[in-house]
Amino acid sequence: MLMQGTFAIPCGREKVYTFVSEPASVIKCVPGLQDYTVDEDKMVSATVKVSFGFIRSIFQATSKISKEDPVAHSATLELNGSGAGGGFSGSVEVSVTGDDASSELGWSANVSVNGPLGSLGKPLLEGYIKKMVEQMLSCVKTKLS
């Protein structure tokens, strides 16, 4: 499943990129986050509570920055997770454009979902995932303001 979007943030590009490229900062904005650890290689292990339709589950998820380009203000993140409602894997690319006063964070995700959660259908999953991303990015915007 391919998804993408953009989000305006009223902060300079460097400040936004520094924040979003630091997993210990961004993880605190994940909706449903219950617990997390970040190791020295920026690998995140997290426990996240998910409520989607009739599925309510605790997911164990991991993520790691697989590619980072500070000059271009872009990064790629690999994710994996599983819970009672199924599992997921995917990659997310982010890029920050703008100037010293305002930025736009662009994101693109390629996610595969399996199990009962995956059987809900692409339109329902896309809507839920986009809602989670928007909540997370709104939190990022608040923390940077």
Protein backbone atom coordinates (compact mmCIF):
# COMPACT_ATOMS: atom_id res chain seq x y z
CA MET A 1 0.00 0.00 0.00
CA LEU A 2 1.52 3.31 -1.10
CA MET A 3 0.62 6.55 0.68
CA GLN A 4 2.05 10.03 0.73
CA GLY A 5 1.39 13.51 1.98
CA THR A 6 2.83 16.85 3.02
CA PHE A 7 2.59 18.87 6.21
CA ALA A 8 3.42 22.56 6.69
CA ILE A 9 5.42 23.48 9.80
CA PRO A 10 6.09 27.13 10.73
CA CYS A 11 9.76 26.51 11.62
CA GLY A 12 13.00 26.59 9.69
CA ARG A 13 14.08 23.59 7.62
CA GLU A 14 17.17 22.81 9.75
CA LYS A 15 15.19 22.80 13.00
CA VAL A 16 12.50 20.54 11.54
CA TYR A 17 14.99 18.10 10.00
CA THR A 18 17.05 17.93 13.20
CA PHE A 19 13.88 17.04 15.14
CA VAL A 20 12.46 14.46 12.71
CA SER A 21 15.82 12.76 12.18
CA GLU A 22 16.15 12.09 15.92
CA PRO A 23 14.04 9.01 16.80
CA ALA A 24 14.05 9.83 20.53
CA SER A 25 12.18 13.06 19.70
CA VAL A 26 9.69 11.75 17.12
CA ILE A 27 8.72 8.53 18.94
CA LYS A 28 7.04 10.56 21.70
CA CYS A 29 4.52 11.78 19.09
CA VAL A 30 3.30 8.30 18.02
CA PRO A 31 -0.40 7.91 18.91
CA GLY A 32 -0.98 5.09 21.41
CA LEU A 33 2.67 4.91 22.47
CA GLN A 34 3.02 3.00 25.74
CA ASP A 35 6.75 2.34 26.03
CA TYR A 36 9.91 2.68 23.94
CA THR A 37 13.69 2.39 23.85
CA VAL A 38 16.19 3.94 21.44
CA ASP A 39 19.68 2.46 21.06
CA GLU A 40 22.88 4.19 19.93
CA ASP A 41 22.24 3.21 16.28
CA LYS A 42 18.87 5.06 16.37
CA MET A 43 16.97 1.74 16.41
CA VAL A 44 13.63 2.14 18.17
CA SER A 45 11.68 -0.63 19.89
CA ALA A 46 8.20 0.43 20.94
CA THR A 47 4.95 -0.85 22.38
CA VAL A 48 1.94 0.85 20.79
CA LYS A 49 -1.76 0.41 21.56
CA VAL A 50 -3.85 0.33 18.38
CA SER A 51 -7.64 0.60 18.19
CA PHE A 52 -9.01 0.22 14.71
CA GLY A 53 -12.60 -0.83 14.17
CA PHE A 54 -13.13 -4.08 16.05
CA ILE A 55 -9.40 -4.67 16.42
CA ARG A 56 -7.77 -3.54 19.63
CA SER A 57 -4.25 -4.75 20.11
CA ILE A 58 -0.87 -3.97 21.54
CA PHE A 59 1.79 -3.94 18.84
CA GLN A 60 5.49 -4.50 19.33
CA ALA A 61 7.24 -2.42 16.68
CA THR A 62 10.78 -1.66 15.63
CA SER A 63 12.15 1.02 13.35
CA LYS A 64 15.56 2.02 12.10
CA ILE A 65 16.83 4.79 9.88
CA SER A 66 18.22 2.94 6.88
CA LYS A 67 19.30 5.96 4.85
CA GLU A 68 19.97 9.52 5.95
CA ASP A 69 21.07 12.55 3.93
CA PRO A 70 21.40 15.64 6.17
CA VAL A 71 22.48 17.83 3.23
CA ALA A 72 19.30 17.01 1.26
CA HIS A 73 17.24 16.96 4.50
CA SER A 74 15.87 13.49 3.75
CA ALA A 75 15.79 10.07 5.38
CA THR A 76 14.34 6.60 4.94
CA LEU A 77 12.96 4.60 7.86
CA GLU A 78 12.32 0.84 7.89
CA LEU A 79 9.50 -0.43 10.16
CA ASN A 80 8.23 -3.81 11.36
CA GLY A 81 5.65 -4.75 13.93
CA SER A 82 3.22 -7.38 15.10
CA GLY A 83 0.31 -7.79 17.47
CA ALA A 84 -2.89 -9.79 17.89
CA GLY A 85 -4.43 -8.00 14.90
CA GLY A 86 -1.67 -9.03 12.50
CA GLY A 87 1.59 -7.51 11.45
CA PHE A 88 3.09 -4.85 9.25
CA SER A 89 6.33 -3.95 7.53
CA GLY A 90 7.32 -1.09 5.37
CA SER A 91 9.46 1.89 4.64
CA VAL A 92 8.82 5.59 5.07
CA GLU A 93 10.71 8.33 3.27
CA VAL A 94 10.68 11.87 4.64
CA SER A 95 12.07 15.08 3.20
CA VAL A 96 12.04 18.61 4.53
CA THR A 97 11.96 21.60 2.20
CA GLY A 98 11.65 25.28 2.94
CA ASP A 99 13.75 28.08 4.35
CA ASP A 100 14.72 29.57 7.71
CA ALA A 101 11.13 30.61 8.52
CA SER A 102 8.87 27.77 7.37
CA SER A 103 9.09 24.21 6.13
CA GLU A 104 7.13 21.51 4.44
CA LEU A 105 7.62 17.92 5.54
CA GLY A 106 6.88 15.47 2.74
CA TRP A 107 6.37 11.79 3.48
CA SER A 108 5.88 8.67 1.41
CA ALA A 109 5.11 5.25 2.86
CA ASN A 110 5.04 1.78 1.34
CA VAL A 111 3.41 -0.48 3.94
CA SER A 112 2.34 -4.11 3.89
CA VAL A 113 -0.23 -5.27 6.47
CA ASN A 114 -1.19 -8.91 7.12
CA GLY A 115 -3.52 -10.88 9.38
CA PRO A 116 -7.02 -9.72 10.42
CA LEU A 117 -5.88 -6.11 10.30
CA GLY A 118 -4.76 -6.57 6.70
CA SER A 119 -8.14 -8.03 5.71
CA LEU A 120 -9.97 -4.78 6.52
CA GLY A 121 -9.34 -3.43 3.08
CA LYS A 122 -7.05 -0.85 1.61
CA PRO A 123 -9.35 2.21 1.86
CA LEU A 124 -10.02 1.64 5.58
CA LEU A 125 -6.35 1.03 6.37
CA GLU A 126 -5.19 4.04 4.35
CA GLY A 127 -7.62 6.30 6.20
CA TYR A 128 -6.49 4.99 9.58
CA ILE A 129 -2.78 5.23 8.77
CA LYS A 130 -3.15 8.76 7.37
CA LYS A 131 -5.05 9.78 10.52
CA MET A 132 -2.22 8.41 12.69
CA VAL A 133 0.40 10.22 10.59
CA GLU A 134 -1.55 13.49 10.80
CA GLN A 135 -1.83 13.14 14.61
CA MET A 136 1.88 12.42 14.85
CA LEU A 137 2.85 15.37 12.61
CA SER A 138 0.52 17.71 14.52
CA CYS A 139 2.39 16.70 17.68
CA VAL A 140 5.72 17.37 15.92
CA LYS A 141 4.43 20.80 14.86
CA THR A 142 3.36 21.56 18.45
CA LYS A 143 6.72 20.48 19.89
CA LEU A 144 8.60 22.64 17.38
CA SER A 145 6.43 25.74 17.91
